[in-house]
């Protein structure tokens, strides 16, 4: 099953498809998020304060979300209940 990783630096208003950084399995995307933390940060802010969301490419539902505040840290991932995500923002 293919998943998509949307990730960025802290918060910025552009978002959308510009935040798509990789596709693959959940484990591959978790690893990508961790090992490419500085690249993700450099897209907007330069220092690591990153967020990431792993989305099922078939249903387009977010299944995991995580944050990473420093390089070489292990990101905290939490499961997302798609029925409780507020998509109105």
PDB file of N, CA and C in Angstrom:
ATOM      1  N   UNK A   1       0.846  -1.172   0.000  1.00  0.00           N
ATOM      2  CA  UNK A   1       0.000   0.000   0.000  1.00  0.00           C
ATOM      3  C   UNK A   1       0.898   1.244   0.000  1.00  0.00           C
ATOM      4  N   UNK A   2       0.582   2.197  -0.834  1.00  0.00           N
ATOM      5  CA  UNK A   2       1.389   3.403  -0.933  1.00  0.00           C
ATOM      6  C   UNK A   2       0.822   4.505  -0.047  1.00  0.00           C
ATOM      7  N   UNK A   3       1.731   5.202   0.589  1.00  0.00           N
ATOM      8  CA  UNK A   3       1.379   6.339   1.429  1.00  0.00           C
ATOM      9  C   UNK A   3       2.158   7.562   0.961  1.00  0.00           C
ATOM     10  N   UNK A   4       1.702   8.731   1.366  1.00  0.00           N
ATOM     11  CA  UNK A   4       2.335   9.992   1.018  1.00  0.00           C
ATOM     12  C   UNK A   4       2.764  10.696   2.290  1.00  0.00           C
ATOM     13  N   UNK A   5       3.921  11.356   2.230  1.00  0.00           N
ATOM     14  CA  UNK A   5       4.398  12.151   3.357  1.00  0.00           C
ATOM     15  C   UNK A   5       4.291  13.625   2.989  1.00  0.00           C
ATOM     16  N   UNK A   6       3.474  14.330   3.749  1.00  0.00           N
ATOM     17  CA  UNK A   6       3.406  15.783   3.660  1.00  0.00           C
ATOM     18  C   UNK A   6       4.153  16.300   4.874  1.00  0.00           C
ATOM     19  N   UNK A   7       5.093  17.209   4.654  1.00  0.00           N
ATOM     20  CA  UNK A   7       5.901  17.676   5.781  1.00  0.00           C
ATOM     21  C   UNK A   7       6.361  19.106   5.535  1.00  0.00           C
ATOM     22  N   UNK A   8       6.670  19.775   6.628  1.00  0.00           N
ATOM     23  CA  UNK A   8       7.154  21.135   6.512  1.00  0.00           C
ATOM     24  C   UNK A   8       7.766  21.623   7.804  1.00  0.00           C
ATOM     25  N   UNK A   9       8.175  22.857   7.749  1.00  0.00           N
ATOM     26  CA  UNK A   9       8.804  23.519   8.883  1.00  0.00           C
ATOM     27  C   UNK A   9       7.748  24.266   9.670  1.00  0.00           C
ATOM     28  N   UNK A  10       7.620  23.950  10.949  1.00  0.00           N
ATOM     29  CA  UNK A  10       6.687  24.590  11.871  1.00  0.00           C
ATOM     30  C   UNK A  10       5.354  24.853  11.176  1.00  0.00           C
ATOM     31  N   UNK A  11       4.942  26.064  11.016  1.00  0.00           N
ATOM     32  CA  UNK A  11       3.701  26.387  10.320  1.00  0.00           C
ATOM     33  C   UNK A  11       3.958  27.508   9.323  1.00  0.00           C
ATOM     34  N   UNK A  12       3.440  27.352   8.174  1.00  0.00           N
ATOM     35  CA  UNK A  12       3.472  28.440   7.196  1.00  0.00           C
ATOM     36  C   UNK A  12       2.207  28.324   6.362  1.00  0.00           C
ATOM     37  N   UNK A  13       1.702  29.426   5.829  1.00  0.00           N
ATOM     38  CA  UNK A  13       0.383  29.415   5.208  1.00  0.00           C
ATOM     39  C   UNK A  13       0.292  28.846   3.803  1.00  0.00           C
ATOM     40  N   UNK A  14       1.391  28.499   3.149  1.00  0.00           N
ATOM     41  CA  UNK A  14       1.313  28.037   1.763  1.00  0.00           C
ATOM     42  C   UNK A  14       0.683  26.649   1.690  1.00  0.00           C
ATOM     43  N   UNK A  15       1.356  25.654   2.228  1.00  0.00           N
ATOM     44  CA  UNK A  15       0.801  24.309   2.358  1.00  0.00           C
ATOM     45  C   UNK A  15       0.389  23.643   1.066  1.00  0.00           C
ATOM     46  N   UNK A  16      -0.577  22.730   1.211  1.00  0.00           N
ATOM     47  CA  UNK A  16      -1.104  22.023   0.056  1.00  0.00           C
ATOM     48  C   UNK A  16      -0.091  21.091  -0.581  1.00  0.00           C
ATOM     49  N   UNK A  17      -0.158  20.981  -1.900  1.00  0.00           N
ATOM     50  CA  UNK A  17       0.683  20.035  -2.638  1.00  0.00           C
ATOM     51  C   UNK A  17       2.165  20.369  -2.500  1.00  0.00           C
ATOM     52  N   UNK A  18       2.502  21.616  -2.178  1.00  0.00           N
ATOM     53  CA  UNK A  18       3.906  21.983  -1.974  1.00  0.00           C
ATOM     54  C   UNK A  18       4.526  21.241  -0.794  1.00  0.00           C
ATOM     55  N   UNK A  19       3.697  20.724   0.095  1.00  0.00           N
ATOM     56  CA  UNK A  19       4.186  20.000   1.269  1.00  0.00           C
ATOM     57  C   UNK A  19       4.436  18.519   0.998  1.00  0.00           C
ATOM     58  N   UNK A  20       4.094  18.026  -0.181  1.00  0.00           N
ATOM     59  CA  UNK A  20       4.326  16.620  -0.513  1.00  0.00           C
ATOM     60  C   UNK A  20       5.819  16.408  -0.733  1.00  0.00           C
ATOM     61  N   UNK A  21       6.443  15.601   0.125  1.00  0.00           N
ATOM     62  CA  UNK A  21       7.892  15.420   0.037  1.00  0.00           C
ATOM     63  C   UNK A  21       8.326  14.014  -0.334  1.00  0.00           C
ATOM     64  N   UNK A  22       7.451  13.002  -0.179  1.00  0.00           N
ATOM     65  CA  UNK A  22       7.866  11.631  -0.501  1.00  0.00           C
ATOM     66  C   UNK A  22       6.647  10.721  -0.557  1.00  0.00           C
ATOM     67  N   UNK A  23       6.849   9.541  -1.170  1.00  0.00           N
ATOM     68  CA  UNK A  23       5.827   8.499  -1.139  1.00  0.00           C
ATOM     69  C   UNK A  23       6.510   7.171  -0.915  1.00  0.00           C
ATOM     70  N   UNK A  24       5.789   6.230  -0.315  1.00  0.00           N
ATOM     71  CA  UNK A  24       6.336   4.916  -0.011  1.00  0.00           C
ATOM     72  C   UNK A  24       5.526   4.248   1.077  1.00  0.00           C
ATOM     73  N   UNK A  25       6.133   3.277   1.732  1.00  0.00           N
ATOM     74  CA  UNK A  25       5.462   2.599   2.843  1.00  0.00           C
ATOM     75  C   UNK A  25       5.531   3.498   4.085  1.00  0.00           C
ATOM     76  N   UNK A  26       4.740   3.172   5.078  1.00  0.00           N
ATOM     77  CA  UNK A  26       4.751   3.966   6.312  1.00  0.00           C
ATOM     78  C   UNK A  26       6.141   3.971   6.925  1.00  0.00           C
ATOM     79  N   UNK A  27       6.786   2.817   6.993  1.00  0.00           N
ATOM     80  CA  UNK A  27       8.127   2.753   7.594  1.00  0.00           C
ATOM     81  C   UNK A  27       9.143   3.565   6.792  1.00  0.00           C
ATOM     82  N   UNK A  28       9.066   3.493   5.463  1.00  0.00           N
ATOM     83  CA  UNK A  28       9.976   4.285   4.621  1.00  0.00           C
ATOM     84  C   UNK A  28       9.769   5.780   4.846  1.00  0.00           C
ATOM     85  N   UNK A  29       8.519   6.190   4.980  1.00  0.00           N
ATOM     86  CA  UNK A  29       8.231   7.609   5.161  1.00  0.00           C
ATOM     87  C   UNK A  29       8.645   8.109   6.540  1.00  0.00           C
ATOM     88  N   UNK A  30       8.489   7.278   7.553  1.00  0.00           N
ATOM     89  CA  UNK A  30       8.982   7.652   8.888  1.00  0.00           C
ATOM     90  C   UNK A  30      10.496   7.862   8.848  1.00  0.00           C
ATOM     91  N   UNK A  31      11.189   6.957   8.182  1.00  0.00           N
ATOM     92  CA  UNK A  31      12.646   7.063   8.064  1.00  0.00           C
ATOM     93  C   UNK A  31      13.031   8.308   7.263  1.00  0.00           C
ATOM     94  N   UNK A  32      12.331   8.566   6.168  1.00  0.00           N
ATOM     95  CA  UNK A  32      12.601   9.748   5.349  1.00  0.00           C
ATOM     96  C   UNK A  32      12.429  11.023   6.172  1.00  0.00           C
ATOM     97  N   UNK A  33      11.365  11.096   6.940  1.00  0.00           N
ATOM     98  CA  UNK A  33      11.088  12.266   7.777  1.00  0.00           C
ATOM     99  C   UNK A  33      12.230  12.507   8.760  1.00  0.00           C
ATOM    100  N   UNK A  34      12.747  11.435   9.328  1.00  0.00           N
ATOM    101  CA  UNK A  34      13.816  11.573  10.319  1.00  0.00           C
ATOM    102  C   UNK A  34      15.150  11.903   9.663  1.00  0.00           C
ATOM    103  N   UNK A  35      15.510  11.198   8.612  1.00  0.00           N
ATOM    104  CA  UNK A  35      16.839  11.387   8.023  1.00  0.00           C
ATOM    105  C   UNK A  35      16.942  12.644   7.173  1.00  0.00           C
ATOM    106  N   UNK A  36      15.832  13.162   6.679  1.00  0.00           N
ATOM    107  CA  UNK A  36      15.857  14.372   5.844  1.00  0.00           C
ATOM    108  C   UNK A  36      15.342  15.588   6.598  1.00  0.00           C
ATOM    109  N   UNK A  37      15.447  15.577   7.913  1.00  0.00           N
ATOM    110  CA  UNK A  37      14.896  16.654   8.736  1.00  0.00           C
ATOM    111  C   UNK A  37      15.434  18.029   8.352  1.00  0.00           C
ATOM    112  N   UNK A  38      16.725  18.129   8.117  1.00  0.00           N
ATOM    113  CA  UNK A  38      17.289  19.433   7.780  1.00  0.00           C
ATOM    114  C   UNK A  38      16.813  19.907   6.414  1.00  0.00           C
ATOM    115  N   UNK A  39      16.708  18.998   5.451  1.00  0.00           N
ATOM    116  CA  UNK A  39      16.198  19.375   4.127  1.00  0.00           C
ATOM    117  C   UNK A  39      14.768  19.908   4.219  1.00  0.00           C
ATOM    118  N   UNK A  40      13.951  19.243   5.036  1.00  0.00           N
ATOM    119  CA  UNK A  40      12.567  19.683   5.217  1.00  0.00           C
ATOM    120  C   UNK A  40      12.544  21.057   5.877  1.00  0.00           C
ATOM    121  N   UNK A  41      13.370  21.255   6.888  1.00  0.00           N
ATOM    122  CA  UNK A  41      13.427  22.547   7.577  1.00  0.00           C
ATOM    123  C   UNK A  41      13.904  23.654   6.652  1.00  0.00           C
ATOM    124  N   UNK A  42      14.872  23.355   5.801  1.00  0.00           N
ATOM    125  CA  UNK A  42      15.435  24.368   4.906  1.00  0.00           C
ATOM    126  C   UNK A  42      14.431  24.873   3.879  1.00  0.00           C
ATOM    127  N   UNK A  43      13.371  24.120   3.645  1.00  0.00           N
ATOM    128  CA  UNK A  43      12.366  24.567   2.673  1.00  0.00           C
ATOM    129  C   UNK A  43      11.679  25.843   3.131  1.00  0.00           C
ATOM    130  N   UNK A  44      11.662  26.109   4.427  1.00  0.00           N
ATOM    131  CA  UNK A  44      10.971  27.298   4.916  1.00  0.00           C
ATOM    132  C   UNK A  44      11.733  28.045   6.015  1.00  0.00           C
ATOM    133  N   UNK A  45      12.193  27.354   7.039  1.00  0.00           N
ATOM    134  CA  UNK A  45      12.670  28.077   8.206  1.00  0.00           C
ATOM    135  C   UNK A  45      14.139  27.983   8.515  1.00  0.00           C
ATOM    136  N   UNK A  46      14.777  26.898   8.122  1.00  0.00           N
ATOM    137  CA  UNK A  46      16.196  26.766   8.350  1.00  0.00           C
ATOM    138  C   UNK A  46      16.582  26.016   9.616  1.00  0.00           C
ATOM    139  N   UNK A  47      15.765  26.058  10.653  1.00  0.00           N
ATOM    140  CA  UNK A  47      16.058  25.276  11.851  1.00  0.00           C
ATOM    141  C   UNK A  47      14.972  24.210  11.985  1.00  0.00           C
ATOM    142  N   UNK A  48      15.286  23.145  12.661  1.00  0.00           N
ATOM    143  CA  UNK A  48      14.377  21.995  12.701  1.00  0.00           C
ATOM    144  C   UNK A  48      13.293  22.208  13.749  1.00  0.00           C
ATOM    145  N   UNK A  49      12.096  22.334  13.271  1.00  0.00           N
ATOM    146  CA  UNK A  49      10.872  22.377  14.069  1.00  0.00           C
ATOM    147  C   UNK A  49       9.788  21.883  13.119  1.00  0.00           C
ATOM    148  N   UNK A  50       9.893  20.618  12.755  1.00  0.00           N
ATOM    149  CA  UNK A  50       9.128  20.074  11.636  1.00  0.00           C
ATOM    150  C   UNK A  50       7.870  19.332  12.063  1.00  0.00           C
ATOM    151  N   UNK A  51       6.913  19.316  11.166  1.00  0.00           N
ATOM    152  CA  UNK A  51       5.711  18.512  11.323  1.00  0.00           C
ATOM    153  C   UNK A  51       5.625  17.582  10.111  1.00  0.00           C
ATOM    154  N   UNK A  52       4.950  16.470  10.278  1.00  0.00           N
ATOM    155  CA  UNK A  52       4.753  15.551   9.169  1.00  0.00           C
ATOM    156  C   UNK A  52       3.412  14.849   9.299  1.00  0.00           C
ATOM    157  N   UNK A  53       2.815  14.546   8.149  1.00  0.00           N
ATOM    158  CA  UNK A  53       1.570  13.781   8.111  1.00  0.00           C
ATOM    159  C   UNK A  53       1.712  12.697   7.054  1.00  0.00           C
ATOM    160  N   UNK A  54       1.402  11.474   7.441  1.00  0.00           N
ATOM    161  CA  UNK A  54       1.426  10.357   6.503  1.00  0.00           C
ATOM    162  C   UNK A  54      -0.019  10.059   6.117  1.00  0.00           C
ATOM    163  N   UNK A  55      -0.249  10.074   4.810  1.00  0.00           N
ATOM    164  CA  UNK A  55      -1.592   9.966   4.249  1.00  0.00           C
ATOM    165  C   UNK A  55      -1.680   8.705   3.390  1.00  0.00           C
ATOM    166  N   UNK A  56      -2.777   7.975   3.508  1.00  0.00           N
ATOM    167  CA  UNK A  56      -3.038   6.828   2.643  1.00  0.00           C
ATOM    168  C   UNK A  56      -3.317   7.363   1.233  1.00  0.00           C
ATOM    169  N   UNK A  57      -2.520   6.960   0.257  1.00  0.00           N
ATOM    170  CA  UNK A  57      -2.632   7.499  -1.101  1.00  0.00           C
ATOM    171  C   UNK A  57      -3.927   7.089  -1.797  1.00  0.00           C
ATOM    172  N   UNK A  58      -4.554   6.017  -1.346  1.00  0.00           N
ATOM    173  CA  UNK A  58      -5.797   5.565  -1.969  1.00  0.00           C
ATOM    174  C   UNK A  58      -7.008   6.330  -1.438  1.00  0.00           C
ATOM    175  N   UNK A  59      -7.083   6.461  -0.123  1.00  0.00           N
ATOM    176  CA  UNK A  59      -8.248   7.107   0.494  1.00  0.00           C
ATOM    177  C   UNK A  59      -8.032   8.597   0.743  1.00  0.00           C
ATOM    178  N   UNK A  60      -6.763   9.048   0.709  1.00  0.00           N
ATOM    179  CA  UNK A  60      -6.367  10.422   1.014  1.00  0.00           C
ATOM    180  C   UNK A  60      -6.702  10.814   2.455  1.00  0.00           C
ATOM    181  N   UNK A  61      -6.747   9.812   3.342  1.00  0.00           N
ATOM    182  CA  UNK A  61      -6.962  10.070   4.760  1.00  0.00           C
ATOM    183  C   UNK A  61      -5.637  10.064   5.497  1.00  0.00           C
ATOM    184  N   UNK A  62      -5.471  10.991   6.396  1.00  0.00           N
ATOM    185  CA  UNK A  62      -4.266  11.063   7.230  1.00  0.00           C
ATOM    186  C   UNK A  62      -4.311   9.914   8.231  1.00  0.00           C
ATOM    187  N   UNK A  63      -3.218   9.127   8.318  1.00  0.00           N
ATOM    188  CA  UNK A  63      -3.187   7.994   9.240  1.00  0.00           C
ATOM    189  C   UNK A  63      -2.226   8.217  10.399  1.00  0.00           C
ATOM    190  N   UNK A  64      -1.185   9.019  10.201  1.00  0.00           N
ATOM    191  CA  UNK A  64      -0.229   9.336  11.262  1.00  0.00           C
ATOM    192  C   UNK A  64       0.194  10.791  11.151  1.00  0.00           C
ATOM    193  N   UNK A  65       0.475  11.395  12.294  1.00  0.00           N
ATOM    194  CA  UNK A  65       1.078  12.717  12.265  1.00  0.00           C
ATOM    195  C   UNK A  65       2.191  12.749  13.301  1.00  0.00           C
ATOM    196  N   UNK A  66       3.229  13.518  12.978  1.00  0.00           N
ATOM    197  CA  UNK A  66       4.366  13.567  13.876  1.00  0.00           C
ATOM    198  C   UNK A  66       5.037  14.922  13.872  1.00  0.00           C
ATOM    199  N   UNK A  67       5.901  15.101  14.864  1.00  0.00           N
ATOM    200  CA  UNK A  67       6.671  16.328  14.996  1.00  0.00           C
ATOM    201  C   UNK A  67       8.105  15.973  15.348  1.00  0.00           C
ATOM    202  N   UNK A  68       9.003  16.858  14.976  1.00  0.00           N
ATOM    203  CA  UNK A  68      10.422  16.648  15.247  1.00  0.00           C
ATOM    204  C   UNK A  68      11.056  18.004  15.517  1.00  0.00           C
ATOM    205  N   UNK A  69      11.658  18.167  16.680  1.00  0.00           N
ATOM    206  CA  UNK A  69      12.171  19.474  17.086  1.00  0.00           C
ATOM    207  C   UNK A  69      13.683  19.612  16.966  1.00  0.00           C
ATOM    208  N   UNK A  70      14.389  18.528  16.708  1.00  0.00           N
ATOM    209  CA  UNK A  70      15.842  18.646  16.568  1.00  0.00           C
ATOM    210  C   UNK A  70      16.380  17.512  15.710  1.00  0.00           C
ATOM    211  N   UNK A  71      17.483  17.790  15.040  1.00  0.00           N
ATOM    212  CA  UNK A  71      18.094  16.791  14.171  1.00  0.00           C
ATOM    213  C   UNK A  71      18.538  15.576  14.974  1.00  0.00           C
ATOM    214  N   UNK A  72      18.428  14.417  14.366  1.00  0.00           N
ATOM    215  CA  UNK A  72      18.811  13.128  14.941  1.00  0.00           C
ATOM    216  C   UNK A  72      17.900  12.693  16.086  1.00  0.00           C
ATOM    217  N   UNK A  73      16.814  13.416  16.308  1.00  0.00           N
ATOM    218  CA  UNK A  73      15.842  12.993  17.312  1.00  0.00           C
ATOM    219  C   UNK A  73      14.945  11.917  16.702  1.00  0.00           C
ATOM    220  N   UNK A  74      14.270  11.184  17.536  1.00  0.00           N
ATOM    221  CA  UNK A  74      13.284  10.229  17.052  1.00  0.00           C
ATOM    222  C   UNK A  74      11.931  10.917  17.095  1.00  0.00           C
ATOM    223  N   UNK A  75      11.303  11.092  15.938  1.00  0.00           N
ATOM    224  CA  UNK A  75      10.022  11.797  15.915  1.00  0.00           C
ATOM    225  C   UNK A  75       8.943  11.072  16.712  1.00  0.00           C
ATOM    226  N   UNK A  76       8.088  11.853  17.310  1.00  0.00           N
ATOM    227  CA  UNK A  76       6.910  11.316  17.990  1.00  0.00           C
ATOM    228  C   UNK A  76       5.809  11.193  16.945  1.00  0.00           C
ATOM    229  N   UNK A  77       5.265   9.993  16.766  1.00  0.00           N
ATOM    230  CA  UNK A  77       4.173   9.772  15.812  1.00  0.00           C
ATOM    231  C   UNK A  77       2.921   9.397  16.574  1.00  0.00           C
ATOM    232  N   UNK A  78       1.780   9.910  16.129  1.00  0.00           N
ATOM    233  CA  UNK A  78       0.507   9.527  16.741  1.00  0.00           C
ATOM    234  C   UNK A  78      -0.474   9.143  15.648  1.00  0.00           C
ATOM    235  N   UNK A  79      -1.279   8.133  15.952  1.00  0.00           N
ATOM    236  CA  UNK A  79      -2.311   7.719  15.002  1.00  0.00           C
ATOM    237  C   UNK A  79      -3.383   8.794  14.941  1.00  0.00           C
ATOM    238  N   UNK A  80      -3.958   8.932  13.764  1.00  0.00           N
ATOM    239  CA  UNK A  80      -4.994   9.927  13.552  1.00  0.00           C
ATOM    240  C   UNK A  80      -6.307   9.212  13.270  1.00  0.00           C
ATOM    241  N   UNK A  81      -7.337   9.618  13.974  1.00  0.00           N
ATOM    242  CA  UNK A  81      -8.671   9.119  13.677  1.00  0.00           C
ATOM    243  C   UNK A  81      -9.266  10.049  12.636  1.00  0.00           C
ATOM    244  N   UNK A  82      -9.381   9.587  11.377  1.00  0.00           N
ATOM    245  CA  UNK A  82      -9.821  10.483  10.307  1.00  0.00           C
ATOM    246  C   UNK A  82     -11.207  11.075  10.522  1.00  0.00           C
ATOM    247  N   UNK A  83     -11.992  10.468  11.394  1.00  0.00           N
ATOM    248  CA  UNK A  83     -13.326  10.993  11.642  1.00  0.00           C
ATOM    249  C   UNK A  83     -13.307  12.194  12.572  1.00  0.00           C
ATOM    250  N   UNK A  84     -12.162  12.430  13.233  1.00  0.00           N
ATOM    251  CA  UNK A  84     -12.094  13.559  14.163  1.00  0.00           C
ATOM    252  C   UNK A  84     -11.212  14.687  13.647  1.00  0.00           C
ATOM    253  N   UNK A  85     -10.598  14.532  12.475  1.00  0.00           N
ATOM    254  CA  UNK A  85      -9.730  15.569  11.933  1.00  0.00           C
ATOM    255  C   UNK A  85     -10.585  16.721  11.426  1.00  0.00           C
ATOM    256  N   UNK A  86     -10.213  17.932  11.814  1.00  0.00           N
ATOM    257  CA  UNK A  86     -10.945  19.116  11.374  1.00  0.00           C
ATOM    258  C   UNK A  86     -10.383  19.582  10.049  1.00  0.00           C
ATOM    259  N   UNK A  87     -11.111  19.359   8.975  1.00  0.00           N
ATOM    260  CA  UNK A  87     -10.645  19.727   7.639  1.00  0.00           C
ATOM    261  C   UNK A  87     -11.168  21.089   7.215  1.00  0.00           C
ATOM    262  N   UNK A  88     -11.764  21.824   8.119  1.00  0.00           N
ATOM    263  CA  UNK A  88     -12.354  23.106   7.759  1.00  0.00           C
ATOM    264  C   UNK A  88     -11.355  24.248   7.721  1.00  0.00           C
ATOM    265  N   UNK A  89     -10.132  24.015   8.159  1.00  0.00           N
ATOM    266  CA  UNK A  89      -9.134  25.086   8.200  1.00  0.00           C
ATOM    267  C   UNK A  89      -8.524  25.333   6.861  1.00  0.00           C
TER     268      UNK A  89
END
